[in-house]
Amino acid sequence: MYRRLSLFLVFAAVMSYLMITSFISQSSALDKKVAQKRHLEQELKQLKKQQEILKEDIIKLNDDDYLAKLARKEYFFSENGEIIFNIPEKNEDKKPNN
């Protein structure tokens, strides 16, 4: 009788140990997957925002007036009679020596 009870106790202890370690490993894996899901959802939101911006840019680029303004601004193209002045941008990194 004692042999059977001790054998059953050992078997129950081994099974309990295996179930607890399995539960812990699965819960840690689940936590990693949840964190990964949150990260990917944030990345998806950013990509959707970027997609909306790019769609707006596509719509703007189909407009001839916008293209003309963009060409004048970025590539210094001018209309007839216009004079383009190139003004250098201020460098905020440089500080005056005192």
N, C-alpha and C. Protein backbone atom coordinates (compact mmCIF):
# COMPACT_ATOMS: atom_id res chain seq x y z
N MET A 1 0.83 -1.19 0.00
CA MET A 1 0.00 0.00 0.00
C MET A 1 0.88 1.27 0.00
N TYR A 2 1.91 1.29 0.85
CA TYR A 2 2.79 2.45 0.92
C TYR A 2 3.60 2.62 -0.37
N ARG A 3 3.96 1.52 -0.98
CA ARG A 3 4.69 1.60 -2.25
C ARG A 3 3.82 2.23 -3.33
N ARG A 4 2.59 1.81 -3.37
CA ARG A 4 1.67 2.36 -4.37
C ARG A 4 1.43 3.85 -4.13
N LEU A 5 1.23 4.23 -2.88
CA LEU A 5 1.02 5.64 -2.56
C LEU A 5 2.26 6.47 -2.86
N SER A 6 3.44 5.94 -2.52
CA SER A 6 4.67 6.68 -2.80
C SER A 6 4.89 6.77 -4.32
N LEU A 7 4.62 5.71 -5.04
CA LEU A 7 4.74 5.73 -6.50
C LEU A 7 3.75 6.73 -7.10
N PHE A 8 2.54 6.73 -6.60
CA PHE A 8 1.53 7.68 -7.06
C PHE A 8 1.95 9.12 -6.74
N LEU A 9 2.52 9.34 -5.53
CA LEU A 9 2.99 10.67 -5.13
C LEU A 9 4.12 11.15 -6.04
N VAL A 10 5.05 10.27 -6.36
CA VAL A 10 6.15 10.63 -7.26
C VAL A 10 5.60 10.95 -8.65
N PHE A 11 4.71 10.10 -9.14
CA PHE A 11 4.08 10.34 -10.45
C PHE A 11 3.32 11.66 -10.47
N ALA A 12 2.56 11.97 -9.41
CA ALA A 12 1.80 13.22 -9.32
C ALA A 12 2.74 14.42 -9.25
N ALA A 13 3.86 14.27 -8.52
CA ALA A 13 4.83 15.37 -8.42
C ALA A 13 5.48 15.65 -9.77
N VAL A 14 5.84 14.60 -10.49
CA VAL A 14 6.46 14.77 -11.81
C VAL A 14 5.46 15.41 -12.78
N MET A 15 4.25 14.95 -12.76
CA MET A 15 3.23 15.53 -13.64
C MET A 15 2.96 16.99 -13.28
N SER A 16 2.91 17.29 -11.99
CA SER A 16 2.69 18.68 -11.56
C SER A 16 3.84 19.56 -12.01
N TYR A 17 5.06 19.08 -11.86
CA TYR A 17 6.23 19.84 -12.29
C TYR A 17 6.17 20.11 -13.79
N LEU A 18 5.86 19.09 -14.57
CA LEU A 18 5.78 19.25 -16.03
C LEU A 18 4.68 20.23 -16.42
N MET A 19 3.55 20.16 -15.76
CA MET A 19 2.45 21.07 -16.09
C MET A 19 2.79 22.50 -15.71
N ILE A 20 3.44 22.70 -14.56
CA ILE A 20 3.79 24.05 -14.13
C ILE A 20 4.84 24.65 -15.06
N THR A 21 5.87 23.90 -15.41
CA THR A 21 6.89 24.43 -16.33
C THR A 21 6.30 24.72 -17.70
N SER A 22 5.39 23.87 -18.15
CA SER A 22 4.74 24.11 -19.43
C SER A 22 3.89 25.38 -19.38
N PHE A 23 3.18 25.57 -18.28
CA PHE A 23 2.36 26.77 -18.12
C PHE A 23 3.22 28.03 -18.11
N ILE A 24 4.33 27.99 -17.39
CA ILE A 24 5.22 29.16 -17.30
C ILE A 24 5.82 29.48 -18.66
N SER A 25 6.28 28.46 -19.39
CA SER A 25 6.87 28.71 -20.69
C SER A 25 5.84 29.23 -21.69
N GLN A 26 4.62 28.71 -21.62
CA GLN A 26 3.58 29.18 -22.52
C GLN A 26 3.15 30.61 -22.18
N SER A 27 3.10 30.94 -20.89
CA SER A 27 2.71 32.30 -20.52
C SER A 27 3.78 33.31 -20.93
N SER A 28 5.07 32.93 -20.81
CA SER A 28 6.11 33.85 -21.26
C SER A 28 6.08 34.00 -22.78
N ALA A 29 5.84 32.93 -23.49
CA ALA A 29 5.72 33.02 -24.95
C ALA A 29 4.53 33.87 -25.35
N LEU A 30 3.43 33.74 -24.60
CA LEU A 30 2.24 34.54 -24.88
C LEU A 30 2.51 36.03 -24.61
N ASP A 31 3.24 36.34 -23.55
CA ASP A 31 3.59 37.73 -23.26
C ASP A 31 4.44 38.32 -24.37
N LYS A 32 5.38 37.54 -24.89
CA LYS A 32 6.21 38.02 -26.00
C LYS A 32 5.36 38.29 -27.23
N LYS A 33 4.42 37.39 -27.51
CA LYS A 33 3.56 37.56 -28.68
C LYS A 33 2.65 38.78 -28.53
N VAL A 34 2.16 39.03 -27.31
CA VAL A 34 1.31 40.20 -27.06
C VAL A 34 2.12 41.49 -27.27
N ALA A 35 3.36 41.49 -26.75
CA ALA A 35 4.22 42.67 -26.94
C ALA A 35 4.52 42.88 -28.42
N GLN A 36 4.78 41.80 -29.12
CA GLN A 36 5.05 41.89 -30.56
C GLN A 36 3.81 42.40 -31.30
N LYS A 37 2.63 41.95 -30.88
CA LYS A 37 1.39 42.40 -31.50
C LYS A 37 1.20 43.90 -31.31
N ARG A 38 1.46 44.39 -30.08
CA ARG A 38 1.33 45.83 -29.82
C ARG A 38 2.29 46.62 -30.71
N HIS A 39 3.52 46.14 -30.80
CA HIS A 39 4.52 46.83 -31.63
C HIS A 39 4.08 46.85 -33.09
N LEU A 40 3.59 45.73 -33.58
CA LEU A 40 3.16 45.67 -34.98
C LEU A 40 1.92 46.51 -35.24
N GLU A 41 1.02 46.62 -34.24
CA GLU A 41 -0.15 47.48 -34.40
C GLU A 41 0.27 48.94 -34.48
N GLN A 42 1.25 49.35 -33.68
CA GLN A 42 1.75 50.73 -33.75
C GLN A 42 2.40 50.97 -35.11
N GLU A 43 3.17 50.01 -35.58
CA GLU A 43 3.81 50.14 -36.88
C GLU A 43 2.75 50.22 -37.99
N LEU A 44 1.68 49.44 -37.85
CA LEU A 44 0.60 49.48 -38.82
C LEU A 44 -0.06 50.85 -38.85
N LYS A 45 -0.29 51.45 -37.67
CA LYS A 45 -0.88 52.79 -37.61
C LYS A 45 0.01 53.80 -38.32
N GLN A 46 1.32 53.71 -38.08
CA GLN A 46 2.25 54.63 -38.73
C GLN A 46 2.24 54.44 -40.24
N LEU A 47 2.20 53.19 -40.68
CA LEU A 47 2.19 52.92 -42.11
C LEU A 47 0.89 53.40 -42.76
N LYS A 48 -0.22 53.28 -42.04
CA LYS A 48 -1.49 53.78 -42.59
C LYS A 48 -1.47 55.30 -42.71
N LYS A 49 -0.88 55.98 -41.72
CA LYS A 49 -0.75 57.43 -41.80
C LYS A 49 0.12 57.81 -42.99
N GLN A 50 1.23 57.09 -43.16
CA GLN A 50 2.13 57.36 -44.27
C GLN A 50 1.43 57.08 -45.60
N GLN A 51 0.60 56.05 -45.64
CA GLN A 51 -0.14 55.74 -46.86
C GLN A 51 -1.11 56.86 -47.20
N GLU A 52 -1.79 57.40 -46.19
CA GLU A 52 -2.72 58.51 -46.44
C GLU A 52 -1.96 59.73 -46.96
N ILE A 53 -0.80 60.01 -46.39
CA ILE A 53 0.00 61.14 -46.85
C ILE A 53 0.42 60.93 -48.30
N LEU A 54 0.84 59.71 -48.62
CA LEU A 54 1.26 59.43 -49.99
C LEU A 54 0.09 59.50 -50.97
N LYS A 55 -1.10 59.09 -50.54
CA LYS A 55 -2.27 59.21 -51.40
C LYS A 55 -2.58 60.68 -51.67
N GLU A 56 -2.46 61.51 -50.63
CA GLU A 56 -2.68 62.94 -50.82
C GLU A 56 -1.64 63.52 -51.77
N ASP A 57 -0.38 63.07 -51.64
CA ASP A 57 0.67 63.53 -52.55
C ASP A 57 0.38 63.13 -53.98
N ILE A 58 -0.15 61.93 -54.18
CA ILE A 58 -0.50 61.48 -55.54
C ILE A 58 -1.58 62.38 -56.12
N ILE A 59 -2.57 62.70 -55.31
CA ILE A 59 -3.65 63.57 -55.79
C ILE A 59 -3.09 64.95 -56.13
N LYS A 60 -2.19 65.46 -55.27
CA LYS A 60 -1.59 66.78 -55.52
C LYS A 60 -0.73 66.75 -56.78
N LEU A 61 0.01 65.66 -56.99
CA LEU A 61 0.90 65.59 -58.15
C LEU A 61 0.13 65.48 -59.47
N ASN A 62 -1.13 65.14 -59.41
CA ASN A 62 -1.94 65.13 -60.62
C ASN A 62 -2.44 66.53 -60.98
N ASP A 63 -2.25 67.50 -60.10
CA ASP A 63 -2.67 68.88 -60.33
C ASP A 63 -1.50 69.65 -60.97
N ASP A 64 -1.74 70.23 -62.14
CA ASP A 64 -0.68 70.94 -62.86
C ASP A 64 -0.20 72.17 -62.11
N ASP A 65 -1.10 72.88 -61.43
CA ASP A 65 -0.68 74.08 -60.69
C ASP A 65 0.25 73.71 -59.54
N TYR A 66 -0.05 72.63 -58.86
CA TYR A 66 0.81 72.18 -57.76
C TYR A 66 2.18 71.77 -58.29
N LEU A 67 2.19 71.07 -59.42
CA LEU A 67 3.47 70.68 -60.02
C LEU A 67 4.30 71.89 -60.40
N ALA A 68 3.65 72.90 -60.92
CA ALA A 68 4.38 74.11 -61.29
C ALA A 68 4.96 74.78 -60.06
N LYS A 69 4.19 74.89 -58.98
CA LYS A 69 4.70 75.47 -57.74
C LYS A 69 5.86 74.66 -57.18
N LEU A 70 5.71 73.34 -57.21
CA LEU A 70 6.76 72.46 -56.69
C LEU A 70 8.04 72.60 -57.50
N ALA A 71 7.91 72.67 -58.82
CA ALA A 71 9.09 72.81 -59.68
C ALA A 71 9.77 74.15 -59.44
N ARG A 72 8.97 75.21 -59.26
CA ARG A 72 9.56 76.51 -58.99
C ARG A 72 10.26 76.53 -57.64
N LYS A 73 9.68 75.88 -56.67
CA LYS A 73 10.23 75.90 -55.32
C LYS A 73 11.48 75.01 -55.20
N GLU A 74 11.39 73.78 -55.66
CA GLU A 74 12.46 72.82 -55.43
C GLU A 74 13.59 72.93 -56.47
N TYR A 75 13.23 73.21 -57.71
CA TYR A 75 14.22 73.16 -58.78
C TYR A 75 14.49 74.53 -59.40
N PHE A 76 13.99 75.57 -58.77
CA PHE A 76 14.25 76.94 -59.17
C PHE A 76 13.87 77.23 -60.62
N PHE A 77 12.79 76.63 -61.09
CA PHE A 77 12.25 76.98 -62.39
C PHE A 77 11.46 78.27 -62.24
N SER A 78 11.42 79.02 -63.29
CA SER A 78 10.70 80.29 -63.19
C SER A 78 9.74 80.44 -64.35
N GLU A 79 8.74 81.28 -64.09
CA GLU A 79 7.82 81.63 -65.17
C GLU A 79 8.44 82.79 -65.93
N ASN A 80 7.84 83.13 -67.03
CA ASN A 80 8.37 84.25 -67.81
C ASN A 80 8.29 85.52 -66.99
N GLY A 81 9.41 86.24 -66.91
CA GLY A 81 9.45 87.51 -66.20
C GLY A 81 9.77 87.36 -64.71
N GLU A 82 9.91 86.17 -64.20
CA GLU A 82 10.23 85.97 -62.79
C GLU A 82 11.74 85.92 -62.60
N ILE A 83 12.18 86.46 -61.48
CA ILE A 83 13.59 86.38 -61.11
C ILE A 83 13.67 85.57 -59.81
N ILE A 84 14.55 84.61 -59.78
CA ILE A 84 14.67 83.75 -58.60
C ILE A 84 15.88 84.18 -57.79
N PHE A 85 15.64 84.40 -56.51
CA PHE A 85 16.71 84.73 -55.58
C PHE A 85 16.92 83.52 -54.66
N ASN A 86 18.16 83.08 -54.58
CA ASN A 86 18.48 81.94 -53.72
C ASN A 86 18.97 82.49 -52.38
N ILE A 87 18.17 82.31 -51.34
CA ILE A 87 18.52 82.79 -50.01
C ILE A 87 18.98 81.60 -49.20
N PRO A 88 20.21 81.63 -48.68
CA PRO A 88 20.70 80.49 -47.90
C PRO A 88 19.91 80.34 -46.60
N GLU A 89 19.73 79.10 -46.18
CA GLU A 89 19.01 78.85 -44.94
C GLU A 89 19.90 79.18 -43.75
N LYS A 90 19.29 79.61 -42.66
CA LYS A 90 20.05 79.93 -41.46
C LYS A 90 20.53 78.64 -40.82
N ASN A 91 21.77 78.68 -40.33
CA ASN A 91 22.35 77.52 -39.66
C ASN A 91 22.24 77.75 -38.17
N GLU A 92 21.36 77.02 -37.50
CA GLU A 92 21.15 77.21 -36.07
C GLU A 92 22.22 76.52 -35.25
N ASP A 93 23.01 75.63 -35.87
CA ASP A 93 24.04 74.92 -35.15
C ASP A 93 25.20 75.84 -34.79
N LYS A 94 25.45 76.84 -35.62
CA LYS A 94 26.55 77.75 -35.37
C LYS A 94 26.11 78.79 -34.35
N LYS A 95 26.92 78.97 -33.32
CA LYS A 95 26.62 79.96 -32.30
C LYS A 95 27.67 81.06 -32.37
N PRO A 96 27.30 82.30 -32.11
CA PRO A 96 28.29 83.38 -32.15
C PRO A 96 29.30 83.20 -31.02
N ASN A 97 30.56 83.53 -31.34
CA ASN A 97 31.62 83.44 -30.33
C ASN A 97 31.61 84.68 -29.45
N ASN A 98 31.52 84.50 -28.17
CA ASN A 98 31.53 85.64 -27.24
C ASN A 98 32.77 85.60 -26.40
